[in-house]
Amino acid sequence: MTFLNHTHPSVPHYDSSEWDWLRGALATIDRDYGMLNRVFHNGPDTHVLHHLFSTIPHYHAMEATKAIKPLLGEYYQFDGTPVYTALWRESRECIYVEKDEGRQDNGVFWFKNKL
């Protein structure tokens, strides 16, 4: 289940020179699994919240996610791509991580797929 919450071209990865708790917590994405959201106790569609506040019970996760979205603004990530399409896309496009092409000296890595 969490593969798709941690795997997306817009999710950065960090080495020790750039990582901190907040950056690590925001390196995830919410996804809509449709009817499966209830089966998984809203884990896929409230995963960003889970990373920030892991002790919030799942039955309050939706209302808490609605509350944090405006606070996070551009730092909140959601992908509404259908699950099977996203699974196929991420399996093909997110093979490994590589340093940001613009700056070789920083510790920010992005998913790549060119072998």
PDB file of N, CA and C in Angstrom:
ATOM      1  N   MET A   1       0.809  -1.188   0.000  1.00  0.00           N
ATOM      2  CA  MET A   1       0.000   0.000   0.000  1.00  0.00           C
ATOM      3  C   MET A   1       0.860   1.263   0.000  1.00  0.00           C
ATOM      4  N   THR A   2       1.900   1.326   0.804  1.00  0.00           N
ATOM      5  CA  THR A   2       2.638   2.585   0.924  1.00  0.00           C
ATOM      6  C   THR A   2       3.613   2.832  -0.226  1.00  0.00           C
ATOM      7  N   PHE A   3       3.820   1.849  -1.087  1.00  0.00           N
ATOM      8  CA  PHE A   3       4.702   2.060  -2.240  1.00  0.00           C
ATOM      9  C   PHE A   3       4.286   3.319  -2.990  1.00  0.00           C
ATOM     10  N   LEU A   4       3.002   3.465  -3.281  1.00  0.00           N
ATOM     11  CA  LEU A   4       2.538   4.610  -4.055  1.00  0.00           C
ATOM     12  C   LEU A   4       2.535   5.907  -3.256  1.00  0.00           C
ATOM     13  N   ASN A   5       2.562   5.840  -1.936  1.00  0.00           N
ATOM     14  CA  ASN A   5       2.634   7.058  -1.141  1.00  0.00           C
ATOM     15  C   ASN A   5       4.057   7.599  -1.044  1.00  0.00           C
ATOM     16  N   HIS A   6       5.029   6.759  -1.305  1.00  0.00           N
ATOM     17  CA  HIS A   6       6.423   7.187  -1.221  1.00  0.00           C
ATOM     18  C   HIS A   6       7.111   7.233  -2.578  1.00  0.00           C
ATOM     19  N   THR A   7       6.401   6.864  -3.620  1.00  0.00           N
ATOM     20  CA  THR A   7       6.999   6.776  -4.950  1.00  0.00           C
ATOM     21  C   THR A   7       6.201   7.630  -5.920  1.00  0.00           C
ATOM     22  N   HIS A   8       6.807   8.722  -6.347  1.00  0.00           N
ATOM     23  CA  HIS A   8       6.197   9.652  -7.298  1.00  0.00           C
ATOM     24  C   HIS A   8       7.316  10.563  -7.790  1.00  0.00           C
ATOM     25  N   PRO A   9       7.285  10.962  -9.057  1.00  0.00           N
ATOM     26  CA  PRO A   9       8.361  11.832  -9.572  1.00  0.00           C
ATOM     27  C   PRO A   9       8.535  13.138  -8.798  1.00  0.00           C
ATOM     28  N   SER A  10       7.497  13.602  -8.105  1.00  0.00           N
ATOM     29  CA  SER A  10       7.610  14.868  -7.377  1.00  0.00           C
ATOM     30  C   SER A  10       8.043  14.704  -5.920  1.00  0.00           C
ATOM     31  N   VAL A  11       8.320  13.471  -5.498  1.00  0.00           N
ATOM     32  CA  VAL A  11       8.744  13.232  -4.120  1.00  0.00           C
ATOM     33  C   VAL A  11      10.272  13.216  -4.063  1.00  0.00           C
ATOM     34  N   PRO A  12      10.858  14.185  -3.365  1.00  0.00           N
ATOM     35  CA  PRO A  12      12.322  14.223  -3.260  1.00  0.00           C
ATOM     36  C   PRO A  12      12.839  13.237  -2.212  1.00  0.00           C
ATOM     37  N   HIS A  13      14.103  12.919  -2.334  1.00  0.00           N
ATOM     38  CA  HIS A  13      14.826  12.125  -1.343  1.00  0.00           C
ATOM     39  C   HIS A  13      16.062  12.928  -0.969  1.00  0.00           C
ATOM     40  N   TYR A  14      16.562  12.741   0.242  1.00  0.00           N
ATOM     41  CA  TYR A  14      17.643  13.586   0.752  1.00  0.00           C
ATOM     42  C   TYR A  14      18.778  12.756   1.331  1.00  0.00           C
ATOM     43  N   ASP A  15      20.001  13.259   1.181  1.00  0.00           N
ATOM     44  CA  ASP A  15      21.099  12.651   1.917  1.00  0.00           C
ATOM     45  C   ASP A  15      21.217  13.389   3.252  1.00  0.00           C
ATOM     46  N   SER A  16      22.186  13.018   4.070  1.00  0.00           N
ATOM     47  CA  SER A  16      22.288  13.576   5.423  1.00  0.00           C
ATOM     48  C   SER A  16      22.589  15.078   5.436  1.00  0.00           C
ATOM     49  N   SER A  17      23.135  15.616   4.350  1.00  0.00           N
ATOM     50  CA  SER A  17      23.433  17.055   4.332  1.00  0.00           C
ATOM     51  C   SER A  17      22.184  17.911   4.136  1.00  0.00           C
ATOM     52  N   GLU A  18      21.111  17.345   3.607  1.00  0.00           N
ATOM     53  CA  GLU A  18      19.892  18.107   3.323  1.00  0.00           C
ATOM     54  C   GLU A  18      18.684  17.654   4.140  1.00  0.00           C
ATOM     55  N   TRP A  19      18.748  16.435   4.677  1.00  0.00           N
ATOM     56  CA  TRP A  19      17.585  15.883   5.367  1.00  0.00           C
ATOM     57  C   TRP A  19      17.375  16.542   6.715  1.00  0.00           C
ATOM     58  N   ASP A  20      16.128  16.799   7.053  1.00  0.00           N
ATOM     59  CA  ASP A  20      15.715  17.109   8.413  1.00  0.00           C
ATOM     60  C   ASP A  20      14.339  16.483   8.603  1.00  0.00           C
ATOM     61  N   TRP A  21      13.832  16.498   9.820  1.00  0.00           N
ATOM     62  CA  TRP A  21      12.593  15.792  10.101  1.00  0.00           C
ATOM     63  C   TRP A  21      11.440  16.278   9.228  1.00  0.00           C
ATOM     64  N   LEU A  22      11.274  17.582   9.088  1.00  0.00           N
ATOM     65  CA  LEU A  22      10.151  18.109   8.320  1.00  0.00           C
ATOM     66  C   LEU A  22      10.261  17.755   6.842  1.00  0.00           C
ATOM     67  N   ARG A  23      11.445  17.892   6.269  1.00  0.00           N
ATOM     68  CA  ARG A  23      11.622  17.502   4.868  1.00  0.00           C
ATOM     69  C   ARG A  23      11.317  16.023   4.673  1.00  0.00           C
ATOM     70  N   GLY A  24      11.776  15.204   5.582  1.00  0.00           N
ATOM     71  CA  GLY A  24      11.510  13.772   5.497  1.00  0.00           C
ATOM     72  C   GLY A  24      10.027  13.464   5.631  1.00  0.00           C
ATOM     73  N   ALA A  25       9.358  14.147   6.542  1.00  0.00           N
ATOM     74  CA  ALA A  25       7.929  13.912   6.753  1.00  0.00           C
ATOM     75  C   ALA A  25       7.110  14.333   5.535  1.00  0.00           C
ATOM     76  N   LEU A  26       7.527  15.374   4.849  1.00  0.00           N
ATOM     77  CA  LEU A  26       6.784  15.852   3.683  1.00  0.00           C
ATOM     78  C   LEU A  26       7.162  15.134   2.393  1.00  0.00           C
ATOM     79  N   ALA A  27       8.092  14.202   2.465  1.00  0.00           N
ATOM     80  CA  ALA A  27       8.502  13.456   1.280  1.00  0.00           C
ATOM     81  C   ALA A  27       7.560  12.271   1.048  1.00  0.00           C
ATOM     82  N   THR A  28       6.287  12.579   0.927  1.00  0.00           N
ATOM     83  CA  THR A  28       5.256  11.585   0.679  1.00  0.00           C
ATOM     84  C   THR A  28       4.110  12.260  -0.058  1.00  0.00           C
ATOM     85  N   ILE A  29       3.165  11.472  -0.494  1.00  0.00           N
ATOM     86  CA  ILE A  29       2.067  12.003  -1.302  1.00  0.00           C
ATOM     87  C   ILE A  29       0.776  11.283  -0.926  1.00  0.00           C
ATOM     88  N   ASP A  30      -0.320  12.022  -0.845  1.00  0.00           N
ATOM     89  CA  ASP A  30      -1.626  11.415  -0.623  1.00  0.00           C
ATOM     90  C   ASP A  30      -2.176  10.921  -1.951  1.00  0.00           C
ATOM     91  N   ARG A  31      -2.879   9.806  -1.913  1.00  0.00           N
ATOM     92  CA  ARG A  31      -3.489   9.239  -3.116  1.00  0.00           C
ATOM     93  C   ARG A  31      -4.900   8.783  -2.787  1.00  0.00           C
ATOM     94  N   ASP A  32      -5.751   8.819  -3.786  1.00  0.00           N
ATOM     95  CA  ASP A  32      -7.121   8.359  -3.632  1.00  0.00           C
ATOM     96  C   ASP A  32      -7.224   6.930  -4.153  1.00  0.00           C
ATOM     97  N   TYR A  33      -7.485   5.992  -3.256  1.00  0.00           N
ATOM     98  CA  TYR A  33      -7.636   4.593  -3.634  1.00  0.00           C
ATOM     99  C   TYR A  33      -9.097   4.220  -3.834  1.00  0.00           C
ATOM    100  N   GLY A  34      -9.958   5.226  -3.903  1.00  0.00           N
ATOM    101  CA  GLY A  34     -11.380   4.950  -4.093  1.00  0.00           C
ATOM    102  C   GLY A  34     -11.963   4.201  -2.909  1.00  0.00           C
ATOM    103  N   MET A  35     -12.696   3.129  -3.201  1.00  0.00           N
ATOM    104  CA  MET A  35     -13.333   2.348  -2.139  1.00  0.00           C
ATOM    105  C   MET A  35     -12.313   1.714  -1.193  1.00  0.00           C
ATOM    106  N   LEU A  36     -11.108   1.502  -1.661  1.00  0.00           N
ATOM    107  CA  LEU A  36     -10.084   0.889  -0.810  1.00  0.00           C
ATOM    108  C   LEU A  36      -9.603   1.815   0.303  1.00  0.00           C
ATOM    109  N   ASN A  37      -9.884   3.115   0.197  1.00  0.00           N
ATOM    110  CA  ASN A  37      -9.500   4.034   1.277  1.00  0.00           C
ATOM    111  C   ASN A  37     -10.088   3.563   2.605  1.00  0.00           C
ATOM    112  N   ARG A  38     -11.336   3.138   2.593  1.00  0.00           N
ATOM    113  CA  ARG A  38     -11.979   2.668   3.836  1.00  0.00           C
ATOM    114  C   ARG A  38     -11.364   1.362   4.321  1.00  0.00           C
ATOM    115  N   VAL A  39     -11.060   0.476   3.394  1.00  0.00           N
ATOM    116  CA  VAL A  39     -10.442  -0.802   3.765  1.00  0.00           C
ATOM    117  C   VAL A  39      -9.103  -0.547   4.466  1.00  0.00           C
ATOM    118  N   PHE A  40      -8.350   0.418   3.962  1.00  0.00           N
ATOM    119  CA  PHE A  40      -7.037   0.749   4.529  1.00  0.00           C
ATOM    120  C   PHE A  40      -7.115   1.860   5.571  1.00  0.00           C
ATOM    121  N   HIS A  41      -8.299   2.105   6.128  1.00  0.00           N
ATOM    122  CA  HIS A  41      -8.514   3.098   7.187  1.00  0.00           C
ATOM    123  C   HIS A  41      -7.996   4.485   6.806  1.00  0.00           C
ATOM    124  N   ASN A  42      -8.228   4.871   5.566  1.00  0.00           N
ATOM    125  CA  ASN A  42      -7.827   6.176   5.022  1.00  0.00           C
ATOM    126  C   ASN A  42      -6.317   6.411   5.056  1.00  0.00           C
ATOM    127  N   GLY A  43      -5.548   5.351   5.105  1.00  0.00           N
ATOM    128  CA  GLY A  43      -4.086   5.497   5.073  1.00  0.00           C
ATOM    129  C   GLY A  43      -3.555   6.117   3.793  1.00  0.00           C
ATOM    130  N   PRO A  44      -4.019   5.661   2.616  1.00  0.00           N
ATOM    131  CA  PRO A  44      -3.479   6.211   1.370  1.00  0.00           C
ATOM    132  C   PRO A  44      -3.828   7.679   1.127  1.00  0.00           C
ATOM    133  N   ASP A  45      -5.019   8.103   1.548  1.00  0.00           N
ATOM    134  CA  ASP A  45      -5.423   9.473   1.254  1.00  0.00           C
ATOM    135  C   ASP A  45      -5.167  10.440   2.398  1.00  0.00           C
ATOM    136  N   THR A  46      -4.534   9.962   3.473  1.00  0.00           N
ATOM    137  CA  THR A  46      -4.136  10.843   4.584  1.00  0.00           C
ATOM    138  C   THR A  46      -2.691  10.549   5.011  1.00  0.00           C
ATOM    139  N   HIS A  47      -1.892  10.111   4.065  1.00  0.00           N
ATOM    140  CA  HIS A  47      -0.534   9.681   4.394  1.00  0.00           C
ATOM    141  C   HIS A  47       0.383  10.847   4.781  1.00  0.00           C
ATOM    142  N   VAL A  48       0.183  12.001   4.178  1.00  0.00           N
ATOM    143  CA  VAL A  48       0.986  13.176   4.553  1.00  0.00           C
ATOM    144  C   VAL A  48       0.742  13.492   6.028  1.00  0.00           C
ATOM    145  N   LEU A  49      -0.504  13.506   6.435  1.00  0.00           N
ATOM    146  CA  LEU A  49      -0.850  13.747   7.839  1.00  0.00           C
ATOM    147  C   LEU A  49      -0.177  12.716   8.732  1.00  0.00           C
ATOM    148  N   HIS A  50      -0.232  11.449   8.337  1.00  0.00           N
ATOM    149  CA  HIS A  50       0.381  10.377   9.125  1.00  0.00           C
ATOM    150  C   HIS A  50       1.870  10.638   9.344  1.00  0.00           C
ATOM    151  N   HIS A  51       2.559  11.135   8.336  1.00  0.00           N
ATOM    152  CA  HIS A  51       3.984  11.432   8.487  1.00  0.00           C
ATOM    153  C   HIS A  51       4.228  12.584   9.451  1.00  0.00           C
ATOM    154  N   LEU A  52       3.329  13.554   9.461  1.00  0.00           N
ATOM    155  CA  LEU A  52       3.491  14.715  10.336  1.00  0.00           C
ATOM    156  C   LEU A  52       3.018  14.452  11.765  1.00  0.00           C
ATOM    157  N   PHE A  53       1.895  13.750  11.901  1.00  0.00           N
ATOM    158  CA  PHE A  53       1.277  13.506  13.207  1.00  0.00           C
ATOM    159  C   PHE A  53       0.854  12.040  13.293  1.00  0.00           C
ATOM    160  N   SER A  54       1.796  11.180  13.550  1.00  0.00           N
ATOM    161  CA  SER A  54       1.539   9.738  13.467  1.00  0.00           C
ATOM    162  C   SER A  54       0.624   9.208  14.567  1.00  0.00           C
ATOM    163  N   THR A  55       0.353   9.985  15.587  1.00  0.00           N
ATOM    164  CA  THR A  55      -0.493   9.491  16.672  1.00  0.00           C
ATOM    165  C   THR A  55      -1.971   9.843  16.496  1.00  0.00           C
ATOM    166  N   ILE A  56      -2.323  10.604  15.456  1.00  0.00           N
ATOM    167  CA  ILE A  56      -3.733  10.909  15.214  1.00  0.00           C
ATOM    168  C   ILE A  56      -4.432   9.620  14.770  1.00  0.00           C
ATOM    169  N   PRO A  57      -5.528   9.249  15.430  1.00  0.00           N
ATOM    170  CA  PRO A  57      -6.231   8.021  15.042  1.00  0.00           C
ATOM    171  C   PRO A  57      -6.814   8.127  13.638  1.00  0.00           C
ATOM    172  N   HIS A  58      -6.901   6.992  12.969  1.00  0.00           N
ATOM    173  CA  HIS A  58      -7.376   6.977  11.583  1.00  0.00           C
ATOM    174  C   HIS A  58      -8.780   7.551  11.454  1.00  0.00           C
ATOM    175  N   TYR A  59      -9.596   7.440  12.478  1.00  0.00           N
ATOM    176  CA  TYR A  59     -10.964   7.944  12.380  1.00  0.00           C
ATOM    177  C   TYR A  59     -11.035   9.476  12.469  1.00  0.00           C
ATOM    178  N   HIS A  60      -9.915  10.134  12.745  1.00  0.00           N
ATOM    179  CA  HIS A  60      -9.856  11.599  12.703  1.00  0.00           C
ATOM    180  C   HIS A  60      -8.949  12.095  11.575  1.00  0.00           C
ATOM    181  N   ALA A  61      -8.413  11.178  10.804  1.00  0.00           N
ATOM    182  CA  ALA A  61      -7.417  11.543   9.790  1.00  0.00           C
ATOM    183  C   ALA A  61      -7.977  12.421   8.678  1.00  0.00           C
ATOM    184  N   MET A  62      -9.200  12.163   8.236  1.00  0.00           N
ATOM    185  CA  MET A  62      -9.766  12.967   7.149  1.00  0.00           C
ATOM    186  C   MET A  62      -9.966  14.416   7.581  1.00  0.00           C
ATOM    187  N   GLU A  63     -10.552  14.630   8.758  1.00  0.00           N
ATOM    188  CA  GLU A  63     -10.776  16.001   9.205  1.00  0.00           C
ATOM    189  C   GLU A  63      -9.443  16.703   9.491  1.00  0.00           C
ATOM    190  N   ALA A  64      -8.472  15.987  10.017  1.00  0.00           N
ATOM    191  CA  ALA A  64      -7.164  16.587  10.279  1.00  0.00           C
ATOM    192  C   ALA A  64      -6.443  16.924   8.974  1.00  0.00           C
ATOM    193  N   THR A  65      -6.576  16.066   7.963  1.00  0.00           N
ATOM    194  CA  THR A  65      -5.975  16.347   6.655  1.00  0.00           C
ATOM    195  C   THR A  65      -6.577  17.613   6.061  1.00  0.00           C
ATOM    196  N   LYS A  66      -7.884  17.755   6.155  1.00  0.00           N
ATOM    197  CA  LYS A  66      -8.536  18.976   5.653  1.00  0.00           C
ATOM    198  C   LYS A  66      -8.010  20.211   6.376  1.00  0.00           C
ATOM    199  N   ALA A  67      -7.699  20.061   7.650  1.00  0.00           N
ATOM    200  CA  ALA A  67      -7.191  21.199   8.434  1.00  0.00           C
ATOM    201  C   ALA A  67      -5.754  21.570   8.078  1.00  0.00           C
ATOM    202  N   ILE A  68      -4.922  20.584   7.744  1.00  0.00           N
ATOM    203  CA  ILE A  68      -3.519  20.915   7.476  1.00  0.00           C
ATOM    204  C   ILE A  68      -3.254  21.340   6.034  1.00  0.00           C
ATOM    205  N   LYS A  69      -4.133  20.972   5.107  1.00  0.00           N
ATOM    206  CA  LYS A  69      -3.911  21.327   3.702  1.00  0.00           C
ATOM    207  C   LYS A  69      -3.663  22.818   3.500  1.00  0.00           C
ATOM    208  N   PRO A  70      -4.511  23.706   4.038  1.00  0.00           N
ATOM    209  CA  PRO A  70      -4.258  25.140   3.836  1.00  0.00           C
ATOM    210  C   PRO A  70      -2.961  25.609   4.506  1.00  0.00           C
ATOM    211  N   LEU A  71      -2.588  24.978   5.607  1.00  0.00           N
ATOM    212  CA  LEU A  71      -1.356  25.361   6.296  1.00  0.00           C
ATOM    213  C   LEU A  71      -0.112  24.943   5.508  1.00  0.00           C
ATOM    214  N   LEU A  72      -0.184  23.781   4.879  1.00  0.00           N
ATOM    215  CA  LEU A  72       0.959  23.292   4.110  1.00  0.00           C
ATOM    216  C   LEU A  72       1.064  23.957   2.744  1.00  0.00           C
ATOM    217  N   GLY A  73      -0.052  24.373   2.189  1.00  0.00           N
ATOM    218  CA  GLY A  73      -0.041  25.048   0.893  1.00  0.00           C
ATOM    219  C   GLY A  73       0.643  24.212  -0.169  1.00  0.00           C
ATOM    220  N   GLU A  74       1.653  24.786  -0.811  1.00  0.00           N
ATOM    221  CA  GLU A  74       2.351  24.103  -1.905  1.00  0.00           C
ATOM    222  C   GLU A  74       3.134  22.876  -1.439  1.00  0.00           C
ATOM    223  N   TYR A  75       3.334  22.713  -0.134  1.00  0.00           N
ATOM    224  CA  TYR A  75       4.087  21.574   0.370  1.00  0.00           C
ATOM    225  C   TYR A  75       3.222  20.328   0.531  1.00  0.00           C
ATOM    226  N   TYR A  76       1.916  20.499   0.427  1.00  0.00           N
ATOM    227  CA  TYR A  76       1.015  19.345   0.468  1.00  0.00           C
ATOM    228  C   TYR A  76       0.950  18.736  -0.928  1.00  0.00           C
ATOM    229  N   GLN A  77       1.127  17.411  -1.005  1.00  0.00           N
ATOM    230  CA  GLN A  77       1.105  16.743  -2.305  1.00  0.00           C
ATOM    231  C   GLN A  77      -0.017  15.715  -2.364  1.00  0.00           C
ATOM    232  N   PHE A  78      -0.767  15.752  -3.459  1.00  0.00           N
ATOM    233  CA  PHE A  78      -1.843  14.809  -3.719  1.00  0.00           C
ATOM    234  C   PHE A  78      -1.791  14.426  -5.189  1.00  0.00           C
ATOM    235  N   ASP A  79      -2.010  13.158  -5.472  1.00  0.00           N
ATOM    236  CA  ASP A  79      -2.094  12.690  -6.852  1.00  0.00           C
ATOM    237  C   ASP A  79      -3.391  11.907  -7.002  1.00  0.00           C
ATOM    238  N   GLY A  80      -4.286  12.407  -7.835  1.00  0.00           N
ATOM    239  CA  GLY A  80      -5.573  11.765  -8.058  1.00  0.00           C
ATOM    240  C   GLY A  80      -5.585  10.754  -9.187  1.00  0.00           C
ATOM    241  N   THR A  81      -4.416  10.409  -9.703  1.00  0.00           N
ATOM    242  CA  THR A  81      -4.324   9.409 -10.764  1.00  0.00           C
ATOM    243  C   THR A  81      -4.913   8.086 -10.268  1.00  0.00           C
ATOM    244  N   PRO A  82      -5.742   7.413 -11.081  1.00  0.00           N
ATOM    245  CA  PRO A  82      -6.263   6.107 -10.654  1.00  0.00           C
ATOM    246  C   PRO A  82      -5.127   5.167 -10.239  1.00  0.00           C
ATOM    247  N   VAL A  83      -5.386   4.364  -9.226  1.00  0.00           N
ATOM    248  CA  VAL A  83      -4.350   3.536  -8.596  1.00  0.00           C
ATOM    249  C   VAL A  83      -3.615   2.649  -9.592  1.00  0.00           C
ATOM    250  N   TYR A  84      -4.339   1.943 -10.455  1.00  0.00           N
ATOM    251  CA  TYR A  84      -3.664   1.029 -11.383  1.00  0.00           C
ATOM    252  C   TYR A  84      -2.804   1.795 -12.390  1.00  0.00           C
ATOM    253  N   THR A  85      -3.268   2.949 -12.825  1.00  0.00           N
ATOM    254  CA  THR A  85      -2.482   3.788 -13.731  1.00  0.00           C
ATOM    255  C   THR A  85      -1.237   4.299 -13.020  1.00  0.00           C
ATOM    256  N   ALA A  86      -1.400   4.751 -11.787  1.00  0.00           N
ATOM    257  CA  ALA A  86      -0.266   5.253 -11.013  1.00  0.00           C
ATOM    258  C   ALA A  86       0.741   4.142 -10.733  1.00  0.00           C
ATOM    259  N   LEU A  87       0.259   2.958 -10.407  1.00  0.00           N
ATOM    260  CA  LEU A  87       1.160   1.835 -10.147  1.00  0.00           C
ATOM    261  C   LEU A  87       1.993   1.515 -11.383  1.00  0.00           C
ATOM    262  N   TRP A  88       1.373   1.500 -12.545  1.00  0.00           N
ATOM    263  CA  TRP A  88       2.088   1.242 -13.792  1.00  0.00           C
ATOM    264  C   TRP A  88       3.094   2.360 -14.071  1.00  0.00           C
ATOM    265  N   ARG A  89       2.652   3.616 -13.936  1.00  0.00           N
ATOM    266  CA  ARG A  89       3.521   4.765 -14.225  1.00  0.00           C
ATOM    267  C   ARG A  89       4.716   4.801 -13.275  1.00  0.00           C
ATOM    268  N   GLU A  90       4.472   4.694 -11.969  1.00  0.00           N
ATOM    269  CA  GLU A  90       5.561   4.788 -11.004  1.00  0.00           C
ATOM    270  C   GLU A  90       6.520   3.601 -11.119  1.00  0.00           C
ATOM    271  N   SER A  91       5.999   2.436 -11.474  1.00  0.00           N
ATOM    272  CA  SER A  91       6.869   1.267 -11.659  1.00  0.00           C
ATOM    273  C   SER A  91       7.803   1.451 -12.854  1.00  0.00           C
ATOM    274  N   ARG A  92       7.375   2.216 -13.831  1.00  0.00           N
ATOM    275  CA  ARG A  92       8.200   2.470 -15.018  1.00  0.00           C
ATOM    276  C   ARG A  92       9.093   3.698 -14.870  1.00  0.00           C
ATOM    277  N   GLU A  93       8.593   4.749 -14.199  1.00  0.00           N
ATOM    278  CA  GLU A  93       9.308   6.025 -14.158  1.00  0.00           C
ATOM    279  C   GLU A  93      10.175   6.226 -12.923  1.00  0.00           C
ATOM    280  N   CYS A  94       9.908   5.516 -11.861  1.00  0.00           N
ATOM    281  CA  CYS A  94      10.626   5.738 -10.602  1.00  0.00           C
ATOM    282  C   CYS A  94      11.500   4.539 -10.266  1.00  0.00           C
ATOM    283  N   ILE A  95      12.568   4.374 -11.029  1.00  0.00           N
ATOM    284  CA  ILE A  95      13.439   3.206 -10.893  1.00  0.00           C
ATOM    285  C   ILE A  95      14.542   3.429  -9.855  1.00  0.00           C
ATOM    286  N   TYR A  96      15.137   4.598  -9.839  1.00  0.00           N
ATOM    287  CA  TYR A  96      16.211   4.916  -8.902  1.00  0.00           C
ATOM    288  C   TYR A  96      16.207   6.418  -8.656  1.00  0.00           C
ATOM    289  N   VAL A  97      16.975   6.865  -7.662  1.00  0.00           N
ATOM    290  CA  VAL A  97      17.085   8.295  -7.390  1.00  0.00           C
ATOM    291  C   VAL A  97      18.471   8.789  -7.794  1.00  0.00           C
ATOM    292  N   GLU A  98      18.510  10.048  -8.220  1.00  0.00           N
ATOM    293  CA  GLU A  98      19.754  10.667  -8.664  1.00  0.00           C
ATOM    294  C   GLU A  98      19.758  12.120  -8.210  1.00  0.00           C
ATOM    295  N   LYS A  99      20.959  12.679  -8.001  1.00  0.00           N
ATOM    296  CA  LYS A  99      21.061  14.071  -7.563  1.00  0.00           C
ATOM    297  C   LYS A  99      20.364  15.011  -8.522  1.00  0.00           C
ATOM    298  N   ASP A 100      19.922  16.122  -7.989  1.00  0.00           N
ATOM    299  CA  ASP A 100      19.295  17.176  -8.784  1.00  0.00           C
ATOM    300  C   ASP A 100      20.250  17.588  -9.893  1.00  0.00           C
ATOM    301  N   GLU A 101      19.777  17.529 -11.130  1.00  0.00           N
ATOM    302  CA  GLU A 101      20.638  17.833 -12.278  1.00  0.00           C
ATOM    303  C   GLU A 101      21.180  19.261 -12.250  1.00  0.00           C
ATOM    304  N   GLY A 102      20.430  20.179 -11.668  1.00  0.00           N
ATOM    305  CA  GLY A 102      20.837  21.581 -11.644  1.00  0.00           C
ATOM    306  C   GLY A 102      22.011  21.867 -10.729  1.00  0.00           C
ATOM    307  N   ARG A 103      22.153  21.080  -9.664  1.00  0.00           N
ATOM    308  CA  ARG A 103      23.220  21.326  -8.691  1.00  0.00           C
ATOM    309  C   ARG A 103      23.817  20.005  -8.245  1.00  0.00           C
ATOM    310  N   GLN A 104      25.019  19.747  -8.610  1.00  0.00           N
ATOM    311  CA  GLN A 104      25.680  18.492  -8.230  1.00  0.00           C
ATOM    312  C   GLN A 104      26.173  18.504  -6.786  1.00  0.00           C
ATOM    313  N   ASP A 105      26.214  19.682  -6.153  1.00  0.00           N
ATOM    314  CA  ASP A 105      26.757  19.756  -4.805  1.00  0.00           C
ATOM    315  C   ASP A 105      25.707  19.599  -3.706  1.00  0.00           C
ATOM    316  N   ASN A 106      24.425  19.536  -4.072  1.00  0.00           N
ATOM    317  CA  ASN A 106      23.426  19.412  -3.010  1.00  0.00           C
ATOM    318  C   ASN A 106      23.025  17.955  -2.797  1.00  0.00           C
ATOM    319  N   GLY A 107      22.301  17.709  -1.731  1.00  0.00           N
ATOM    320  CA  GLY A 107      21.935  16.351  -1.367  1.00  0.00           C
ATOM    321  C   GLY A 107      20.484  16.028  -1.629  1.00  0.00           C
ATOM    322  N   VAL A 108      19.895  16.639  -2.660  1.00  0.00           N
ATOM    323  CA  VAL A 108      18.509  16.361  -3.018  1.00  0.00           C
ATOM    324  C   VAL A 108      18.500  15.425  -4.217  1.00  0.00           C
ATOM    325  N   PHE A 109      17.747  14.337  -4.099  1.00  0.00           N
ATOM    326  CA  PHE A 109      17.686  13.320  -5.143  1.00  0.00           C
ATOM    327  C   PHE A 109      16.256  13.200  -5.659  1.00  0.00           C
ATOM    328  N   TRP A 110      16.118  12.858  -6.949  1.00  0.00           N
ATOM    329  CA  TRP A 110      14.812  12.708  -7.580  1.00  0.00           C
ATOM    330  C   TRP A 110      14.755  11.382  -8.313  1.00  0.00           C
ATOM    331  N   PHE A 111      13.563  10.836  -8.439  1.00  0.00           N
ATOM    332  CA  PHE A 111      13.400   9.580  -9.165  1.00  0.00           C
ATOM    333  C   PHE A 111      13.755   9.747 -10.629  1.00  0.00           C
ATOM    334  N   LYS A 112      14.415   8.725 -11.181  1.00  0.00           N
ATOM    335  CA  LYS A 112      14.789   8.674 -12.600  1.00  0.00           C
ATOM    336  C   LYS A 112      14.451   7.286 -13.130  1.00  0.00           C
ATOM    337  N   ASN A 113      14.468   7.163 -14.454  1.00  0.00           N
ATOM    338  CA  ASN A 113      14.190   5.852 -15.043  1.00  0.00           C
ATOM    339  C   ASN A 113      15.122   5.491 -16.183  1.00  0.00           C
ATOM    340  N   LYS A 114      16.111   6.331 -16.462  1.00  0.00           N
ATOM    341  CA  LYS A 114      17.019   6.033 -17.573  1.00  0.00           C
ATOM    342  C   LYS A 114      18.162   5.150 -17.091  1.00  0.00           C
ATOM    343  N   LEU A 115      18.274   3.991 -17.702  1.00  0.00           N
ATOM    344  CA  LEU A 115      19.333   3.052 -17.290  1.00  0.00           C
ATOM    345  C   LEU A 115      20.564   3.195 -18.124  1.00  0.00           C
TER     346      LEU A 115
END
